Amino acid sequence: MNHYRQSIVLFGIALPALAIVLALIAVWSVRSHMFSSFSKKQSLFGNYQADYSKAMQVEANIARQRPHVQRWTQIISEEAASSVNNHLRTISENLPAKEFQKTAFERTAGKGGLGANAAQSSSQLRIIFRGTYRTMQRAFLQLESRMPQLQLQEMRIEPNLNPQNPSPLLNFQVTYTAWEK
């Protein structure tokens, strides 16, 4: 009987116990992998839901802005120099003639200033005015509100030095970069 005892212990107890332990280790490993995969997928799904809700908020904001975008596209499509002249003519009708005078207007050839390094089409507009400070503020406000594609590049304000006729008028030299389509 002693001959078989060693075989019985080896094949009847040790190997089945080892197989059971290996099976339990494999099941525990698969289970922990499944739980970690599940928690990772849950966090990814939570991130997806948060990103989706943010995207829907952005889409709602874009939908509210769509009419404005069409208007802005139409404004940018207009030729900048003539549009500025038309707006200045309209603005000057509402301002006192003695306090607001456009003395020069020129469109410089080629890109320059802020538009020189940009891929967007642009032109430079140099406008010279004579007027009072407050009236010119109102004129610039109205012009830049009507033409959002204008970007102020340079502004010089100098007193009107006329010894025969001292006045509160100032000379304004303004250079705009007009972004175009």
Protein backbone atom coordinates (compact mmCIF):
# COMPACT_ATOMS: atom_id res chain seq x y z
CA MET A 1 0.00 0.00 0.00
CA ASN A 2 2.95 2.31 0.52
CA HIS A 3 3.73 2.12 -3.18
CA TYR A 4 0.44 3.67 -4.12
CA ARG A 5 0.32 6.24 -1.37
CA GLN A 6 2.83 8.53 -3.08
CA SER A 7 1.01 8.31 -6.43
CA ILE A 8 -2.36 8.89 -4.76
CA VAL A 9 -1.05 11.96 -2.93
CA LEU A 10 0.59 13.31 -6.07
CA PHE A 11 -2.18 12.63 -8.59
CA GLY A 12 -5.15 12.67 -6.27
CA ILE A 13 -4.40 15.63 -4.03
CA ALA A 14 -1.38 17.75 -5.13
CA LEU A 15 -2.04 18.05 -8.87
CA PRO A 16 -5.79 18.73 -8.47
CA ALA A 17 -5.02 21.27 -5.73
CA LEU A 18 -2.42 22.91 -7.97
CA ALA A 19 -4.91 22.94 -10.89
CA ILE A 20 -7.56 24.49 -8.63
CA VAL A 21 -5.12 27.14 -7.38
CA LEU A 22 -4.04 27.97 -10.96
CA ALA A 23 -7.69 28.12 -12.04
CA LEU A 24 -8.50 30.46 -9.11
CA ILE A 25 -5.51 32.70 -9.97
CA ALA A 26 -6.64 32.81 -13.62
CA VAL A 27 -10.24 33.62 -12.62
CA TRP A 28 -9.06 36.34 -10.19
CA SER A 29 -6.78 37.81 -12.89
CA VAL A 30 -9.56 37.86 -15.48
CA ARG A 31 -11.98 39.30 -12.92
CA SER A 32 -9.60 42.12 -11.90
CA HIS A 33 -8.87 42.86 -15.58
CA MET A 34 -12.61 43.03 -16.27
CA PHE A 35 -13.21 45.37 -13.31
CA SER A 36 -10.35 47.68 -14.32
CA SER A 37 -11.56 47.65 -17.93
CA PHE A 38 -15.12 48.38 -16.76
CA SER A 39 -14.05 51.31 -14.56
CA LYS A 40 -11.89 52.71 -17.37
CA LYS A 41 -14.79 52.46 -19.81
CA GLN A 42 -17.10 54.09 -17.26
CA SER A 43 -14.75 57.05 -16.88
CA LEU A 44 -14.37 57.34 -20.66
CA PHE A 45 -18.16 57.29 -21.03
CA GLY A 46 -18.46 60.00 -18.36
CA ASN A 47 -15.90 62.10 -20.24
CA TYR A 48 -17.80 61.48 -23.47
CA GLN A 49 -21.07 62.61 -21.91
CA ALA A 50 -19.44 65.77 -20.52
CA ASP A 51 -17.83 66.55 -23.89
CA TYR A 52 -21.12 65.87 -25.68
CA SER A 53 -23.04 68.26 -23.42
CA LYS A 54 -20.36 70.93 -23.96
CA ALA A 55 -20.54 70.37 -27.72
CA MET A 56 -24.32 70.78 -27.62
CA GLN A 57 -23.92 74.05 -25.72
CA VAL A 58 -21.44 75.31 -28.32
CA GLU A 59 -23.81 74.21 -31.10
CA ALA A 60 -26.66 76.11 -29.45
CA ASN A 61 -24.48 79.24 -29.22
CA ILE A 62 -23.51 78.87 -32.87
CA ALA A 63 -27.15 78.46 -33.88
CA ARG A 64 -27.99 81.73 -32.09
CA GLN A 65 -25.09 83.50 -33.87
CA ARG A 66 -25.86 82.15 -37.37
CA PRO A 67 -27.90 85.23 -38.50
CA HIS A 68 -25.09 87.50 -37.30
CA VAL A 69 -22.50 85.45 -39.16
CA GLN A 70 -24.44 85.90 -42.40
CA ARG A 71 -24.62 89.66 -41.80
CA TRP A 72 -20.90 89.80 -40.96
CA THR A 73 -20.05 87.81 -44.08
CA GLN A 74 -22.05 90.29 -46.16
CA ILE A 75 -20.26 93.22 -44.47
CA ILE A 76 -16.82 91.72 -45.09
CA SER A 77 -17.71 90.98 -48.72
CA GLU A 78 -18.11 94.69 -49.46
CA GLU A 79 -15.13 96.63 -50.80
CA ALA A 80 -13.57 98.32 -47.76
CA ALA A 81 -12.60 101.75 -49.17
CA SER A 82 -16.00 102.57 -50.67
CA SER A 83 -17.79 101.15 -47.66
CA VAL A 84 -15.75 103.35 -45.29
CA ASN A 85 -16.50 106.42 -47.43
CA ASN A 86 -20.22 105.62 -47.45
CA HIS A 87 -20.30 105.12 -43.69
CA LEU A 88 -18.30 108.31 -43.06
CA ARG A 89 -20.73 110.24 -45.25
CA THR A 90 -23.67 108.86 -43.23
CA ILE A 91 -21.92 109.57 -39.93
CA SER A 92 -21.01 113.14 -40.93
CA GLU A 93 -24.69 113.91 -41.56
CA ASN A 94 -25.38 113.40 -37.85
CA LEU A 95 -22.40 115.38 -36.57
CA PRO A 96 -21.83 119.15 -36.53
CA ALA A 97 -19.97 120.18 -39.71
CA LYS A 98 -17.68 122.55 -37.81
CA GLU A 99 -16.56 119.78 -35.45
CA PHE A 100 -16.03 116.99 -37.99
CA GLN A 101 -14.23 117.25 -41.32
CA LYS A 102 -12.62 114.50 -43.38
CA THR A 103 -9.58 116.07 -45.04
CA ALA A 104 -7.89 113.10 -46.73
CA PHE A 105 -8.51 109.46 -47.54
CA GLU A 106 -6.15 107.03 -49.18
CA ARG A 107 -5.97 103.32 -49.65
CA THR A 108 -2.40 102.10 -49.61
CA ALA A 109 -1.42 99.53 -52.19
CA GLY A 110 -0.60 96.04 -50.99
CA LYS A 111 -0.66 94.51 -47.56
CA GLY A 112 0.94 96.33 -44.70
CA GLY A 113 0.96 96.63 -40.97
CA LEU A 114 -1.06 93.96 -39.22
CA GLY A 115 -2.16 92.31 -42.47
CA ALA A 116 1.36 91.81 -43.85
CA ASN A 117 1.93 88.55 -42.01
CA ALA A 118 -1.62 87.20 -42.15
CA ALA A 119 -3.06 84.79 -44.69
CA GLN A 120 -6.36 86.74 -44.62
CA SER A 121 -6.78 89.36 -47.33
CA SER A 122 -6.56 92.93 -46.07
CA SER A 123 -5.93 96.48 -47.14
CA GLN A 124 -4.72 99.58 -45.35
CA LEU A 125 -6.81 102.72 -45.15
CA ARG A 126 -5.31 106.03 -44.07
CA ILE A 127 -7.82 108.73 -43.16
CA ILE A 128 -7.13 112.26 -41.95
CA PHE A 129 -9.74 114.23 -40.05
CA ARG A 130 -10.05 117.58 -38.37
CA GLY A 131 -12.46 117.86 -35.47
CA THR A 132 -13.04 118.14 -31.77
CA TYR A 133 -12.03 115.29 -29.53
CA ARG A 134 -15.54 114.36 -28.39
CA THR A 135 -17.03 114.48 -31.89
CA MET A 136 -14.20 112.36 -33.26
CA GLN A 137 -14.75 109.82 -30.49
CA ARG A 138 -18.37 109.50 -31.53
CA ALA A 139 -17.43 109.25 -35.20
CA PHE A 140 -14.85 106.51 -34.55
CA LEU A 141 -17.30 104.63 -32.35
CA GLN A 142 -19.97 104.69 -35.04
CA LEU A 143 -17.53 103.76 -37.83
CA GLU A 144 -15.99 100.85 -35.95
CA SER A 145 -19.43 99.63 -34.83
CA ARG A 146 -20.70 99.61 -38.40
CA MET A 147 -17.53 98.02 -39.78
CA PRO A 148 -16.22 95.37 -37.37
CA GLN A 149 -13.58 94.30 -39.91
CA LEU A 150 -11.62 97.50 -39.30
CA GLN A 151 -8.68 97.14 -36.95
CA LEU A 152 -6.99 100.28 -35.73
CA GLN A 153 -3.32 100.14 -36.59
CA GLU A 154 -2.15 103.66 -35.88
CA MET A 155 -3.62 106.91 -34.58
CA ARG A 156 -1.97 110.29 -34.33
CA ILE A 157 -3.59 113.29 -32.72
CA GLU A 158 -2.01 116.70 -33.12
CA PRO A 159 -3.27 120.17 -32.29
CA ASN A 160 -4.40 122.34 -35.19
CA LEU A 161 -1.62 124.92 -35.23
CA ASN A 162 -3.06 127.79 -37.20
CA PRO A 163 -1.90 131.11 -35.68
CA GLN A 164 -4.46 133.18 -37.62
CA ASN A 165 -7.41 131.05 -36.53
CA PRO A 166 -6.94 129.42 -33.09
CA SER A 167 -9.59 126.73 -32.61
CA PRO A 168 -10.34 123.73 -30.44
CA LEU A 169 -9.99 121.46 -33.48
CA LEU A 170 -7.46 118.66 -33.55
CA ASN A 171 -5.88 116.86 -36.50
CA PHE A 172 -6.44 113.09 -36.46
CA GLN A 173 -4.49 110.74 -38.69
CA VAL A 174 -5.85 107.19 -38.49
CA THR A 175 -4.61 104.04 -40.22
CA TYR A 176 -6.88 101.01 -40.29
CA THR A 177 -6.30 97.48 -41.47
CA ALA A 178 -9.48 96.45 -43.26
CA TRP A 179 -9.94 92.68 -43.32
CA GLU A 180 -11.55 91.44 -46.51
CA LYS A 181 -13.00 88.24 -47.81
